[in-house]
Structures are given as structure tokens and as C-alpha cells.
Amino acid sequence: MSELFAYTDGACSGNPGPGGWGVLMVARDGDAVLKTRELNGGEAATTNNRMELMAAIGALEALTRPSVITVVTDSVYVRNGVTEWIHSWKRNGWRTSAKKPVKNDDLWRRLDEARGRHQVTWEWIKGHAGHPENERADELAREGMAPFKPQRVRD
């Protein structure tokens, strides 16, 4: 029986600044990799947290049918937000416990809708720690950011 994983990452040059997101989708049967798919994108003016969210959204929205998937992120913000905080945010009309509007609520709502179509398990891993799939997701995020970074002029 194959398992589906999405390794996600976001990157930003400045915070805010140009940013990108990347996803490495991997279908596995045990240790054997059956199929991979790479996704990425970016924006001219964004934040690292928004790009981390967009990576998770991109992974889930890329699935064409309801799926069982494990999303692996190096973002505590995404993992805690989607597994813990989102329930009270929704109950409180997208406000925090301090009654302030939830930051990035547009993306949190989109992520909530996307995850509702799937059976999702969320895992956190330490970023930049030599995990090959996370490192590839980071490369994809940087590639997604590249078109939005200012080009250096050379004499």
C-alpha cells in the first residue's frame, strides 16, 4: 500500500520581501519511492510565514481527489496553527484569544478548506538539518522566489 507525503518549505529574502514556496510530493511503498512531483511559486512582497502556508496549501490543492497524506513541514507556525490554534480561531470568528484579527487569515481559511478534502497528518521536522526531502523543498522555495528578487546590476 503506497503512502503519500508532501515536504513543504517557504523562503523569504527579507521579511517582508520577495518570497517563494516549494513542495516535494513523494509516493512511497515502504522505502521504495514510486513517484515524485515538485511544485513551487512565489510573490514579490510577502513574509516567510505566508510562504510556509502557501507551501502547505499548494500541496493540498494539487491533489485532484480526496487523499490520505502526511504533510511534513519545518514550520512550527504552520504545524501548531493547523493542529491547535485554528479551532479556537474559527470559534472566535478568526480572532485570537486576545481578540485581535488572526494574521494571514486569508491563507489560514484557504488551508482549512484544502485540508477538509483530505485525511491529513501533520509532522514537524527541524529545518536545515540535512533531511534530503526538506532540503529539496527548500531549494524549490528558493527557485520559486528567484523571479521576484531584484537583479544586481553589474558594471
N, C-alpha and C. Protein backbone atom coordinates (compact mmCIF):
# COMPACT_ATOMS: atom_id res chain seq x y z
N MET A 1 0.86 -1.19 0.00
CA MET A 1 0.00 0.00 0.00
C MET A 1 0.89 1.24 0.00
N SER A 2 0.66 2.13 -0.93
CA SER A 2 1.51 3.31 -1.02
C SER A 2 1.04 4.40 -0.05
N GLU A 3 2.01 5.22 0.35
CA GLU A 3 1.75 6.36 1.23
C GLU A 3 2.18 7.62 0.50
N LEU A 4 1.47 8.70 0.77
CA LEU A 4 1.76 9.98 0.12
C LEU A 4 2.27 10.97 1.16
N PHE A 5 3.38 11.63 0.82
CA PHE A 5 3.99 12.64 1.68
C PHE A 5 4.17 13.92 0.89
N ALA A 6 4.02 15.06 1.57
CA ALA A 6 4.32 16.37 0.98
C ALA A 6 5.31 17.05 1.91
N TYR A 7 6.51 17.29 1.42
CA TYR A 7 7.53 18.01 2.17
C TYR A 7 7.45 19.46 1.72
N THR A 8 7.19 20.37 2.65
CA THR A 8 6.90 21.75 2.29
C THR A 8 7.90 22.70 2.94
N ASP A 9 8.14 23.84 2.25
CA ASP A 9 9.00 24.86 2.83
C ASP A 9 8.69 26.20 2.19
N GLY A 10 8.98 27.25 2.95
CA GLY A 10 8.85 28.62 2.46
C GLY A 10 10.16 29.34 2.66
N ALA A 11 10.37 30.37 1.84
CA ALA A 11 11.60 31.16 1.93
C ALA A 11 11.26 32.61 1.66
N CYS A 12 12.02 33.50 2.26
CA CYS A 12 11.80 34.92 2.06
C CYS A 12 13.15 35.63 2.13
N SER A 13 13.35 36.59 1.24
CA SER A 13 14.57 37.39 1.25
C SER A 13 14.19 38.74 1.85
N GLY A 14 14.42 38.88 3.14
CA GLY A 14 13.83 39.99 3.88
C GLY A 14 12.49 39.51 4.39
N ASN A 15 11.99 40.10 5.43
CA ASN A 15 10.72 39.63 5.99
C ASN A 15 9.95 40.85 6.50
N PRO A 16 9.21 41.55 5.63
CA PRO A 16 8.76 41.12 4.30
C PRO A 16 9.80 41.36 3.20
N GLY A 17 9.51 40.73 2.08
CA GLY A 17 10.35 40.85 0.89
C GLY A 17 9.90 39.84 -0.14
N PRO A 18 10.70 39.63 -1.19
CA PRO A 18 10.36 38.60 -2.17
C PRO A 18 10.41 37.23 -1.49
N GLY A 19 9.47 36.37 -1.85
CA GLY A 19 9.41 35.07 -1.20
C GLY A 19 9.02 33.97 -2.16
N GLY A 20 9.24 32.74 -1.72
CA GLY A 20 8.87 31.58 -2.52
C GLY A 20 8.47 30.42 -1.63
N TRP A 21 7.77 29.48 -2.25
CA TRP A 21 7.37 28.27 -1.54
C TRP A 21 7.68 27.07 -2.42
N GLY A 22 7.94 25.93 -1.77
CA GLY A 22 8.25 24.71 -2.51
C GLY A 22 7.65 23.49 -1.85
N VAL A 23 7.34 22.51 -2.70
CA VAL A 23 6.75 21.26 -2.23
C VAL A 23 7.38 20.10 -3.00
N LEU A 24 7.81 19.10 -2.28
CA LEU A 24 8.22 17.84 -2.87
C LEU A 24 7.18 16.80 -2.45
N MET A 25 6.42 16.31 -3.42
CA MET A 25 5.42 15.27 -3.16
C MET A 25 6.10 13.93 -3.46
N VAL A 26 5.93 12.98 -2.54
CA VAL A 26 6.55 11.67 -2.70
C VAL A 26 5.52 10.59 -2.38
N ALA A 27 5.33 9.68 -3.34
CA ALA A 27 4.51 8.49 -3.10
C ALA A 27 5.47 7.35 -2.83
N ARG A 28 5.28 6.66 -1.71
CA ARG A 28 6.19 5.59 -1.30
C ARG A 28 5.41 4.30 -1.03
N ASP A 29 6.10 3.20 -1.28
CA ASP A 29 5.64 1.89 -0.84
C ASP A 29 6.77 1.36 0.04
N GLY A 30 6.61 1.52 1.35
CA GLY A 30 7.70 1.21 2.26
C GLY A 30 8.84 2.19 2.02
N ASP A 31 10.02 1.66 1.76
CA ASP A 31 11.18 2.52 1.48
C ASP A 31 11.31 2.87 0.00
N ALA A 32 10.53 2.21 -0.84
CA ALA A 32 10.63 2.43 -2.29
C ALA A 32 9.82 3.67 -2.69
N VAL A 33 10.49 4.57 -3.43
CA VAL A 33 9.81 5.75 -3.97
C VAL A 33 9.14 5.36 -5.28
N LEU A 34 7.82 5.55 -5.33
CA LEU A 34 7.06 5.20 -6.53
C LEU A 34 6.98 6.36 -7.51
N LYS A 35 6.83 7.58 -6.96
CA LYS A 35 6.64 8.74 -7.83
C LYS A 35 6.95 10.00 -7.03
N THR A 36 7.49 11.01 -7.69
CA THR A 36 7.69 12.32 -7.07
C THR A 36 7.10 13.39 -7.97
N ARG A 37 6.78 14.50 -7.36
CA ARG A 37 6.28 15.68 -8.09
C ARG A 37 6.77 16.91 -7.34
N GLU A 38 7.23 17.90 -8.07
CA GLU A 38 7.74 19.12 -7.46
C GLU A 38 6.86 20.30 -7.85
N LEU A 39 6.59 21.15 -6.86
CA LEU A 39 5.76 22.34 -7.06
C LEU A 39 6.46 23.53 -6.43
N ASN A 40 6.26 24.71 -7.00
CA ASN A 40 6.74 25.92 -6.33
C ASN A 40 6.07 27.14 -6.92
N GLY A 41 6.26 28.26 -6.23
CA GLY A 41 5.72 29.54 -6.65
C GLY A 41 6.32 30.62 -5.78
N GLY A 42 5.92 31.85 -6.03
CA GLY A 42 6.46 32.93 -5.23
C GLY A 42 5.68 34.21 -5.40
N GLU A 43 6.10 35.22 -4.65
CA GLU A 43 5.46 36.53 -4.68
C GLU A 43 6.54 37.60 -4.49
N ALA A 44 6.25 38.79 -4.99
CA ALA A 44 7.21 39.89 -4.92
C ALA A 44 7.33 40.47 -3.52
N ALA A 45 6.23 40.53 -2.79
CA ALA A 45 6.24 41.15 -1.45
C ALA A 45 5.41 40.28 -0.51
N THR A 46 6.10 39.58 0.38
CA THR A 46 5.41 38.64 1.26
C THR A 46 6.24 38.43 2.52
N THR A 47 5.83 37.44 3.33
CA THR A 47 6.58 37.09 4.53
C THR A 47 6.89 35.60 4.52
N ASN A 48 7.82 35.21 5.36
CA ASN A 48 8.18 33.81 5.46
C ASN A 48 6.97 32.96 5.90
N ASN A 49 6.21 33.44 6.87
CA ASN A 49 5.05 32.66 7.33
C ASN A 49 4.03 32.47 6.22
N ARG A 50 3.81 33.50 5.40
CA ARG A 50 2.86 33.36 4.29
C ARG A 50 3.35 32.31 3.29
N MET A 51 4.66 32.28 3.05
CA MET A 51 5.20 31.29 2.11
C MET A 51 5.14 29.88 2.69
N GLU A 52 5.34 29.74 3.99
CA GLU A 52 5.19 28.43 4.62
C GLU A 52 3.74 27.94 4.47
N LEU A 53 2.79 28.84 4.67
CA LEU A 53 1.38 28.49 4.49
C LEU A 53 1.08 28.13 3.04
N MET A 54 1.61 28.92 2.10
CA MET A 54 1.36 28.65 0.68
C MET A 54 1.91 27.30 0.25
N ALA A 55 3.02 26.87 0.83
CA ALA A 55 3.56 25.55 0.50
C ALA A 55 2.57 24.46 0.90
N ALA A 56 2.03 24.55 2.11
CA ALA A 56 1.06 23.55 2.56
C ALA A 56 -0.21 23.61 1.70
N ILE A 57 -0.67 24.81 1.40
CA ILE A 57 -1.85 24.97 0.54
C ILE A 57 -1.58 24.39 -0.84
N GLY A 58 -0.41 24.74 -1.40
CA GLY A 58 -0.06 24.23 -2.73
C GLY A 58 -0.06 22.72 -2.79
N ALA A 59 0.46 22.08 -1.75
CA ALA A 59 0.49 20.61 -1.71
C ALA A 59 -0.93 20.04 -1.72
N LEU A 60 -1.79 20.55 -0.86
CA LEU A 60 -3.14 20.00 -0.73
C LEU A 60 -4.02 20.35 -1.92
N GLU A 61 -3.87 21.55 -2.46
CA GLU A 61 -4.68 21.94 -3.63
C GLU A 61 -4.24 21.23 -4.90
N ALA A 62 -3.04 20.68 -4.94
CA ALA A 62 -2.55 19.97 -6.12
C ALA A 62 -3.18 18.58 -6.25
N LEU A 63 -3.74 18.08 -5.17
CA LEU A 63 -4.35 16.75 -5.19
C LEU A 63 -5.71 16.83 -5.89
N THR A 64 -5.90 15.98 -6.89
CA THR A 64 -7.13 16.04 -7.69
C THR A 64 -8.28 15.23 -7.12
N ARG A 65 -7.98 14.38 -6.13
CA ARG A 65 -9.06 13.61 -5.47
C ARG A 65 -8.75 13.51 -3.99
N PRO A 66 -9.76 13.24 -3.17
CA PRO A 66 -9.51 13.11 -1.73
C PRO A 66 -8.42 12.08 -1.47
N SER A 67 -7.48 12.45 -0.62
CA SER A 67 -6.30 11.61 -0.40
C SER A 67 -5.95 11.52 1.07
N VAL A 68 -5.20 10.49 1.40
CA VAL A 68 -4.58 10.35 2.71
C VAL A 68 -3.14 10.81 2.52
N ILE A 69 -2.73 11.83 3.27
CA ILE A 69 -1.42 12.45 3.04
C ILE A 69 -0.80 12.89 4.36
N THR A 70 0.52 12.81 4.41
CA THR A 70 1.27 13.35 5.53
C THR A 70 2.00 14.58 5.02
N VAL A 71 1.71 15.73 5.62
CA VAL A 71 2.41 16.96 5.28
C VAL A 71 3.52 17.15 6.30
N VAL A 72 4.75 17.25 5.79
CA VAL A 72 5.93 17.39 6.63
C VAL A 72 6.45 18.81 6.45
N THR A 73 6.47 19.57 7.53
CA THR A 73 6.87 20.97 7.50
C THR A 73 7.94 21.25 8.54
N ASP A 74 8.77 22.24 8.24
CA ASP A 74 9.74 22.68 9.26
C ASP A 74 9.24 23.94 9.96
N SER A 75 7.97 24.28 9.73
CA SER A 75 7.37 25.47 10.31
C SER A 75 6.50 25.12 11.51
N VAL A 76 6.95 25.53 12.69
CA VAL A 76 6.14 25.34 13.90
C VAL A 76 4.84 26.14 13.76
N TYR A 77 4.93 27.32 13.14
CA TYR A 77 3.76 28.19 12.90
C TYR A 77 2.67 27.43 12.15
N VAL A 78 3.03 26.77 11.06
CA VAL A 78 2.03 26.03 10.28
C VAL A 78 1.53 24.83 11.07
N ARG A 79 2.43 24.03 11.61
CA ARG A 79 2.02 22.82 12.32
C ARG A 79 1.12 23.15 13.51
N ASN A 80 1.54 24.09 14.36
CA ASN A 80 0.72 24.43 15.52
C ASN A 80 -0.56 25.14 15.11
N GLY A 81 -0.46 25.99 14.12
CA GLY A 81 -1.65 26.71 13.67
C GLY A 81 -2.75 25.78 13.19
N VAL A 82 -2.37 24.79 12.37
CA VAL A 82 -3.37 23.92 11.77
C VAL A 82 -3.83 22.80 12.70
N THR A 83 -2.99 22.43 13.68
CA THR A 83 -3.38 21.33 14.57
C THR A 83 -3.95 21.82 15.90
N GLU A 84 -3.64 23.07 16.30
CA GLU A 84 -4.07 23.54 17.61
C GLU A 84 -4.88 24.84 17.53
N TRP A 85 -4.29 25.88 17.01
CA TRP A 85 -4.86 27.22 17.12
C TRP A 85 -6.10 27.44 16.26
N ILE A 86 -6.17 26.80 15.11
CA ILE A 86 -7.22 27.10 14.14
C ILE A 86 -8.62 26.83 14.69
N HIS A 87 -8.73 25.86 15.57
CA HIS A 87 -10.06 25.51 16.12
C HIS A 87 -10.64 26.69 16.91
N SER A 88 -9.84 27.30 17.76
CA SER A 88 -10.35 28.44 18.53
C SER A 88 -10.48 29.68 17.65
N TRP A 89 -9.60 29.85 16.67
CA TRP A 89 -9.74 30.99 15.75
C TRP A 89 -11.09 30.94 15.05
N LYS A 90 -11.46 29.77 14.57
CA LYS A 90 -12.75 29.63 13.87
C LYS A 90 -13.91 29.90 14.82
N ARG A 91 -13.81 29.34 16.03
CA ARG A 91 -14.87 29.56 17.04
C ARG A 91 -15.01 31.03 17.38
N ASN A 92 -13.88 31.77 17.38
CA ASN A 92 -13.86 33.19 17.76
C ASN A 92 -13.98 34.13 16.57
N GLY A 93 -14.47 33.62 15.43
CA GLY A 93 -14.65 34.48 14.27
C GLY A 93 -13.33 34.98 13.69
N TRP A 94 -12.33 34.09 13.66
CA TRP A 94 -11.00 34.40 13.14
C TRP A 94 -10.32 35.51 13.93
N ARG A 95 -10.49 35.42 15.25
CA ARG A 95 -9.80 36.33 16.18
C ARG A 95 -8.99 35.48 17.15
N THR A 96 -7.90 36.06 17.62
CA THR A 96 -7.04 35.38 18.58
C THR A 96 -7.69 35.43 19.96
N SER A 97 -7.06 34.77 20.91
CA SER A 97 -7.57 34.81 22.29
C SER A 97 -7.49 36.23 22.84
N ALA A 98 -6.62 37.06 22.26
CA ALA A 98 -6.53 38.47 22.67
C ALA A 98 -7.52 39.35 21.89
N LYS A 99 -8.43 38.71 21.14
CA LYS A 99 -9.49 39.39 20.38
C LYS A 99 -8.96 40.19 19.19
N LYS A 100 -7.72 39.92 18.77
CA LYS A 100 -7.15 40.59 17.61
C LYS A 100 -7.37 39.72 16.38
N PRO A 101 -7.45 40.34 15.19
CA PRO A 101 -7.61 39.53 13.97
C PRO A 101 -6.41 38.58 13.79
N VAL A 102 -6.71 37.37 13.34
CA VAL A 102 -5.66 36.39 13.07
C VAL A 102 -4.84 36.87 11.88
N LYS A 103 -3.51 36.89 12.04
CA LYS A 103 -2.64 37.26 10.92
C LYS A 103 -2.72 36.17 9.86
N ASN A 104 -2.73 36.59 8.61
CA ASN A 104 -2.77 35.68 7.46
C ASN A 104 -4.05 34.85 7.42
N ASP A 105 -5.14 35.42 7.94
CA ASP A 105 -6.38 34.63 7.99
C ASP A 105 -6.85 34.22 6.60
N ASP A 106 -6.54 34.99 5.55
CA ASP A 106 -6.92 34.58 4.20
C ASP A 106 -6.30 33.24 3.84
N LEU A 107 -5.04 33.06 4.20
CA LEU A 107 -4.37 31.79 3.89
C LEU A 107 -4.76 30.69 4.86
N TRP A 108 -4.98 31.02 6.11
CA TRP A 108 -5.46 30.01 7.06
C TRP A 108 -6.82 29.46 6.62
N ARG A 109 -7.70 30.33 6.14
CA ARG A 109 -9.02 29.88 5.67
C ARG A 109 -8.87 28.96 4.46
N ARG A 110 -7.96 29.36 3.56
CA ARG A 110 -7.71 28.55 2.35
C ARG A 110 -7.12 27.20 2.73
N LEU A 111 -6.19 27.18 3.68
CA LEU A 111 -5.60 25.93 4.14
C LEU A 111 -6.66 25.05 4.81
N ASP A 112 -7.51 25.66 5.60
CA ASP A 112 -8.57 24.91 6.28
C ASP A 112 -9.50 24.26 5.26
N GLU A 113 -9.84 25.00 4.22
CA GLU A 113 -10.71 24.44 3.17
C GLU A 113 -9.99 23.30 2.43
N ALA A 114 -8.74 23.50 2.09
CA ALA A 114 -7.98 22.49 1.35
C ALA A 114 -7.81 21.21 2.17
N ARG A 115 -7.53 21.34 3.46
CA ARG A 115 -7.32 20.13 4.27
C ARG A 115 -8.62 19.39 4.52
N GLY A 116 -9.75 20.09 4.43
CA GLY A 116 -11.04 19.45 4.65
C GLY A 116 -11.38 18.40 3.61
N ARG A 117 -10.73 18.45 2.46
CA ARG A 117 -10.99 17.48 1.39
C ARG A 117 -10.15 16.21 1.53
N HIS A 118 -9.23 16.21 2.49
CA HIS A 118 -8.27 15.11 2.62
C HIS A 118 -8.18 14.63 4.06
N GLN A 119 -7.55 13.49 4.23
CA GLN A 119 -7.21 12.99 5.56
C GLN A 119 -5.72 13.31 5.75
N VAL A 120 -5.44 14.36 6.54
CA VAL A 120 -4.09 14.90 6.64
C VAL A 120 -3.49 14.63 8.02
N THR A 121 -2.26 14.15 8.00
CA THR A 121 -1.44 14.06 9.20
C THR A 121 -0.36 15.11 9.06
N TRP A 122 -0.09 15.85 10.12
CA TRP A 122 0.90 16.93 10.09
C TRP A 122 2.11 16.52 10.91
N GLU A 123 3.30 16.62 10.30
CA GLU A 123 4.53 16.31 11.02
C GLU A 123 5.47 17.51 10.93
N TRP A 124 6.19 17.75 12.02
CA TRP A 124 7.22 18.79 12.05
C TRP A 124 8.57 18.14 12.05
N ILE A 125 9.50 18.70 11.25
CA ILE A 125 10.90 18.28 11.31
C ILE A 125 11.77 19.54 11.40
N LYS A 126 12.94 19.38 11.94
CA LYS A 126 13.87 20.50 12.06
C LYS A 126 14.39 20.85 10.67
N GLY A 127 14.29 22.13 10.31
CA GLY A 127 14.78 22.58 9.01
C GLY A 127 16.28 22.70 8.98
N HIS A 128 16.83 22.63 7.78
CA HIS A 128 18.27 22.80 7.54
C HIS A 128 19.09 21.86 8.42
N ALA A 129 18.57 20.64 8.55
CA ALA A 129 19.24 19.64 9.40
C ALA A 129 19.67 18.42 8.58
N GLY A 130 19.77 18.59 7.26
CA GLY A 130 20.25 17.51 6.41
C GLY A 130 19.19 16.50 6.00
N HIS A 131 17.92 16.78 6.21
CA HIS A 131 16.84 15.89 5.78
C HIS A 131 16.66 16.10 4.27
N PRO A 132 16.97 15.10 3.43
CA PRO A 132 17.01 15.32 1.98
C PRO A 132 15.72 15.89 1.37
N GLU A 133 14.58 15.39 1.80
CA GLU A 133 13.33 15.89 1.21
C GLU A 133 13.06 17.33 1.64
N ASN A 134 13.37 17.67 2.89
CA ASN A 134 13.21 19.04 3.36
C ASN A 134 14.19 19.97 2.64
N GLU A 135 15.40 19.51 2.43
CA GLU A 135 16.39 20.32 1.71
C GLU A 135 15.92 20.58 0.28
N ARG A 136 15.31 19.58 -0.36
CA ARG A 136 14.81 19.79 -1.73
C ARG A 136 13.64 20.76 -1.71
N ALA A 137 12.76 20.66 -0.74
CA ALA A 137 11.65 21.62 -0.64
C ALA A 137 12.19 23.04 -0.46
N ASP A 138 13.26 23.19 0.31
CA ASP A 138 13.90 24.49 0.49
C ASP A 138 14.46 25.00 -0.84
N GLU A 139 15.12 24.14 -1.61
CA GLU A 139 15.63 24.54 -2.92
C GLU A 139 14.50 24.99 -3.84
N LEU A 140 13.40 24.25 -3.81
CA LEU A 140 12.24 24.61 -4.64
C LEU A 140 11.67 25.96 -4.23
N ALA A 141 11.63 26.22 -2.92
CA ALA A 141 11.13 27.51 -2.43
C ALA A 141 12.03 28.64 -2.92
N ARG A 142 13.32 28.43 -2.88
CA ARG A 142 14.26 29.46 -3.36
C ARG A 142 14.14 29.67 -4.86
N GLU A 143 13.89 28.57 -5.60
CA GLU A 143 13.65 28.70 -7.04
C GLU A 143 12.36 29.49 -7.30
N GLY A 144 11.34 29.25 -6.48
CA GLY A 144 10.08 29.98 -6.61
C GLY A 144 10.24 31.47 -6.32
N MET A 145 11.18 31.80 -5.43
CA MET A 145 11.43 33.19 -5.06
C MET A 145 12.28 33.91 -6.11
N ALA A 146 13.13 33.19 -6.81
CA ALA A 146 14.14 33.80 -7.69
C ALA A 146 13.60 34.84 -8.68
N PRO A 147 12.47 34.60 -9.35
CA PRO A 147 12.00 35.60 -10.31
C PRO A 147 11.58 36.94 -9.67
N PHE A 148 11.39 36.93 -8.36
CA PHE A 148 10.90 38.13 -7.67
C PHE A 148 12.01 38.90 -6.96
N LYS A 149 13.21 38.34 -6.95
CA LYS A 149 14.32 39.02 -6.30
C LYS A 149 14.91 40.06 -7.25
N PRO A 150 15.27 41.22 -6.73
CA PRO A 150 15.89 42.24 -7.59
C PRO A 150 17.20 41.70 -8.17
N GLN A 151 17.43 42.02 -9.42
CA GLN A 151 18.66 41.60 -10.07
C GLN A 151 19.75 42.61 -9.80
N ARG A 152 20.93 42.12 -9.55
CA ARG A 152 22.06 43.02 -9.34
C ARG A 152 22.57 43.52 -10.69
N VAL A 153 22.85 44.80 -10.74
CA VAL A 153 23.38 45.38 -11.96
C VAL A 153 24.90 45.33 -11.88
N ARG A 154 25.51 44.81 -12.92
CA ARG A 154 26.98 44.73 -12.94
C ARG A 154 27.53 45.73 -13.94
N ASP A 155 28.65 46.33 -13.58
CA ASP A 155 29.32 47.29 -14.47
C ASP A 155 30.10 46.58 -15.54
